[in-house]
Amino acid sequence: GLVIERIGRRPLLIFGFSSMAVFFSLLTVFLNFQDSVSWVPYLSYICILAVIAGFCSGPGNIHQATCL
Protein backbone atom coordinates (compact mmCIF):
# COMPACT_ATOMS: atom_id res chain seq x y z
CA GLY A 1 0.00 0.00 0.00
CA LEU A 2 2.79 2.45 0.81
CA VAL A 3 4.46 1.91 -2.56
CA ILE A 4 1.23 2.73 -4.36
CA GLU A 5 0.82 5.93 -2.36
CA ARG A 6 4.40 7.06 -2.99
CA ILE A 7 4.79 6.19 -6.65
CA GLY A 8 1.20 6.25 -7.86
CA ARG A 9 -0.97 3.79 -9.72
CA ARG A 10 -0.26 4.94 -13.25
CA PRO A 11 3.57 4.56 -13.18
CA LEU A 12 3.24 1.15 -11.50
CA LEU A 13 0.81 -0.03 -14.18
CA ILE A 14 2.98 1.29 -17.00
CA PHE A 15 6.10 -0.32 -15.54
CA GLY A 16 4.34 -3.62 -14.82
CA PHE A 17 2.69 -4.04 -18.21
CA SER A 18 5.79 -2.83 -20.10
CA SER A 19 8.09 -5.23 -18.31
CA MET A 20 5.63 -8.07 -18.86
CA ALA A 21 5.46 -7.28 -22.60
CA VAL A 22 9.25 -7.19 -22.90
CA PHE A 23 9.76 -10.47 -21.07
CA PHE A 24 6.91 -12.21 -22.91
CA SER A 25 8.55 -11.15 -26.19
CA LEU A 26 11.92 -12.46 -25.03
CA LEU A 27 10.27 -15.67 -23.89
CA THR A 28 8.81 -16.16 -27.37
CA VAL A 29 12.25 -15.75 -28.94
CA PHE A 30 13.91 -18.05 -26.41
CA LEU A 31 11.28 -20.76 -26.87
CA ASN A 32 11.92 -20.75 -30.61
CA PHE A 33 15.65 -21.32 -30.08
CA GLN A 34 15.55 -23.71 -27.13
CA ASP A 35 16.25 -26.80 -29.25
CA SER A 36 19.32 -25.34 -30.93
CA VAL A 37 21.29 -24.17 -27.88
CA SER A 38 21.50 -26.09 -24.62
CA TRP A 39 21.43 -23.11 -22.23
CA VAL A 40 18.46 -21.23 -23.74
CA PRO A 41 15.83 -23.08 -21.65
CA TYR A 42 17.38 -21.47 -18.57
CA LEU A 43 16.75 -18.05 -20.09
CA SER A 44 13.14 -19.06 -20.68
CA TYR A 45 12.83 -19.92 -17.02
CA ILE A 46 14.28 -16.52 -16.05
CA CYS A 47 11.79 -14.79 -18.37
CA ILE A 48 8.88 -16.58 -16.71
CA LEU A 49 10.09 -15.46 -13.29
CA ALA A 50 10.52 -11.90 -14.59
CA VAL A 51 6.95 -11.87 -15.95
CA ILE A 52 5.68 -12.94 -12.54
CA ALA A 53 7.76 -10.23 -10.86
CA GLY A 54 6.47 -7.61 -13.31
CA PHE A 55 2.90 -8.61 -12.59
CA CYS A 56 3.42 -8.57 -8.84
CA SER A 57 5.05 -5.14 -8.89
CA GLY A 58 2.40 -3.51 -11.07
CA PRO A 59 -1.09 -4.81 -11.86
CA GLY A 60 -1.19 -7.48 -9.17
CA ASN A 61 -0.16 -5.09 -6.42
CA ILE A 62 -2.70 -2.46 -7.44
CA HIS A 63 -5.51 -5.01 -7.78
CA GLN A 64 -4.79 -6.35 -4.31
CA ALA A 65 -4.81 -2.87 -2.79
CA THR A 66 -8.14 -1.95 -4.37
CA CYS A 67 -9.78 -5.16 -3.16
CA LEU A 68 -8.96 -4.49 0.49
C-alpha atoms as a PDB file:
ATOM      1  CA  GLY A   1       0.000   0.000   0.000  1.00  0.00           C
ATOM      2  CA  LEU A   2       2.788   2.449   0.807  1.00  0.00           C
ATOM      3  CA  VAL A   3       4.464   1.906  -2.558  1.00  0.00           C
ATOM      4  CA  ILE A   4       1.226   2.733  -4.362  1.00  0.00           C
ATOM      5  CA  GLU A   5       0.817   5.934  -2.364  1.00  0.00           C
ATOM      6  CA  ARG A   6       4.399   7.059  -2.986  1.00  0.00           C
ATOM      7  CA  ILE A   7       4.791   6.188  -6.653  1.00  0.00           C
ATOM      8  CA  GLY A   8       1.204   6.254  -7.864  1.00  0.00           C
ATOM      9  CA  ARG A   9      -0.967   3.788  -9.721  1.00  0.00           C
ATOM     10  CA  ARG A  10      -0.257   4.936 -13.252  1.00  0.00           C
ATOM     11  CA  PRO A  11       3.571   4.555 -13.177  1.00  0.00           C
ATOM     12  CA  LEU A  12       3.237   1.155 -11.501  1.00  0.00           C
ATOM     13  CA  LEU A  13       0.809  -0.028 -14.176  1.00  0.00           C
ATOM     14  CA  ILE A  14       2.980   1.293 -17.002  1.00  0.00           C
ATOM     15  CA  PHE A  15       6.098  -0.324 -15.543  1.00  0.00           C
ATOM     16  CA  GLY A  16       4.343  -3.623 -14.825  1.00  0.00           C
ATOM     17  CA  PHE A  17       2.689  -4.039 -18.211  1.00  0.00           C
ATOM     18  CA  SER A  18       5.786  -2.825 -20.096  1.00  0.00           C
ATOM     19  CA  SER A  19       8.094  -5.232 -18.311  1.00  0.00           C
ATOM     20  CA  MET A  20       5.629  -8.073 -18.860  1.00  0.00           C
ATOM     21  CA  ALA A  21       5.459  -7.276 -22.596  1.00  0.00           C
ATOM     22  CA  VAL A  22       9.253  -7.194 -22.901  1.00  0.00           C
ATOM     23  CA  PHE A  23       9.763 -10.472 -21.070  1.00  0.00           C
ATOM     24  CA  PHE A  24       6.912 -12.213 -22.913  1.00  0.00           C
ATOM     25  CA  SER A  25       8.552 -11.147 -26.187  1.00  0.00           C
ATOM     26  CA  LEU A  26      11.921 -12.463 -25.030  1.00  0.00           C
ATOM     27  CA  LEU A  27      10.265 -15.669 -23.894  1.00  0.00           C
ATOM     28  CA  THR A  28       8.809 -16.157 -27.371  1.00  0.00           C
ATOM     29  CA  VAL A  29      12.248 -15.750 -28.941  1.00  0.00           C
ATOM     30  CA  PHE A  30      13.908 -18.050 -26.414  1.00  0.00           C
ATOM     31  CA  LEU A  31      11.276 -20.755 -26.866  1.00  0.00           C
ATOM     32  CA  ASN A  32      11.916 -20.746 -30.609  1.00  0.00           C
ATOM     33  CA  PHE A  33      15.650 -21.323 -30.079  1.00  0.00           C
ATOM     34  CA  GLN A  34      15.552 -23.712 -27.129  1.00  0.00           C
ATOM     35  CA  ASP A  35      16.252 -26.797 -29.251  1.00  0.00           C
ATOM     36  CA  SER A  36      19.321 -25.344 -30.935  1.00  0.00           C
ATOM     37  CA  VAL A  37      21.290 -24.172 -27.880  1.00  0.00           C
ATOM     38  CA  SER A  38      21.498 -26.094 -24.616  1.00  0.00           C
ATOM     39  CA  TRP A  39      21.429 -23.108 -22.226  1.00  0.00           C
ATOM     40  CA  VAL A  40      18.461 -21.235 -23.740  1.00  0.00           C
ATOM     41  CA  PRO A  41      15.829 -23.082 -21.653  1.00  0.00           C
ATOM     42  CA  TYR A  42      17.378 -21.472 -18.575  1.00  0.00           C
ATOM     43  CA  LEU A  43      16.752 -18.048 -20.091  1.00  0.00           C
ATOM     44  CA  SER A  44      13.137 -19.063 -20.685  1.00  0.00           C
ATOM     45  CA  TYR A  45      12.825 -19.916 -17.016  1.00  0.00           C
ATOM     46  CA  ILE A  46      14.275 -16.521 -16.054  1.00  0.00           C
ATOM     47  CA  CYS A  47      11.789 -14.791 -18.372  1.00  0.00           C
ATOM     48  CA  ILE A  48       8.880 -16.579 -16.709  1.00  0.00           C
ATOM     49  CA  LEU A  49      10.087 -15.458 -13.289  1.00  0.00           C
ATOM     50  CA  ALA A  50      10.516 -11.898 -14.588  1.00  0.00           C
ATOM     51  CA  VAL A  51       6.950 -11.867 -15.951  1.00  0.00           C
ATOM     52  CA  ILE A  52       5.678 -12.941 -12.544  1.00  0.00           C
ATOM     53  CA  ALA A  53       7.765 -10.235 -10.856  1.00  0.00           C
ATOM     54  CA  GLY A  54       6.473  -7.615 -13.307  1.00  0.00           C
ATOM     55  CA  PHE A  55       2.898  -8.608 -12.590  1.00  0.00           C
ATOM     56  CA  CYS A  56       3.419  -8.568  -8.835  1.00  0.00           C
ATOM     57  CA  SER A  57       5.050  -5.139  -8.889  1.00  0.00           C
ATOM     58  CA  GLY A  58       2.399  -3.508 -11.066  1.00  0.00           C
ATOM     59  CA  PRO A  59      -1.090  -4.807 -11.865  1.00  0.00           C
ATOM     60  CA  GLY A  60      -1.185  -7.485  -9.169  1.00  0.00           C
ATOM     61  CA  ASN A  61      -0.163  -5.088  -6.424  1.00  0.00           C
ATOM     62  CA  ILE A  62      -2.701  -2.461  -7.442  1.00  0.00           C
ATOM     63  CA  HIS A  63      -5.514  -5.008  -7.784  1.00  0.00           C
ATOM     64  CA  GLN A  64      -4.785  -6.346  -4.312  1.00  0.00           C
ATOM     65  CA  ALA A  65      -4.808  -2.865  -2.793  1.00  0.00           C
ATOM     66  CA  THR A  66      -8.142  -1.946  -4.367  1.00  0.00           C
ATOM     67  CA  CYS A  67      -9.784  -5.155  -3.159  1.00  0.00           C
ATOM     68  CA  LEU A  68      -8.964  -4.488   0.485  1.00  0.00           C
END
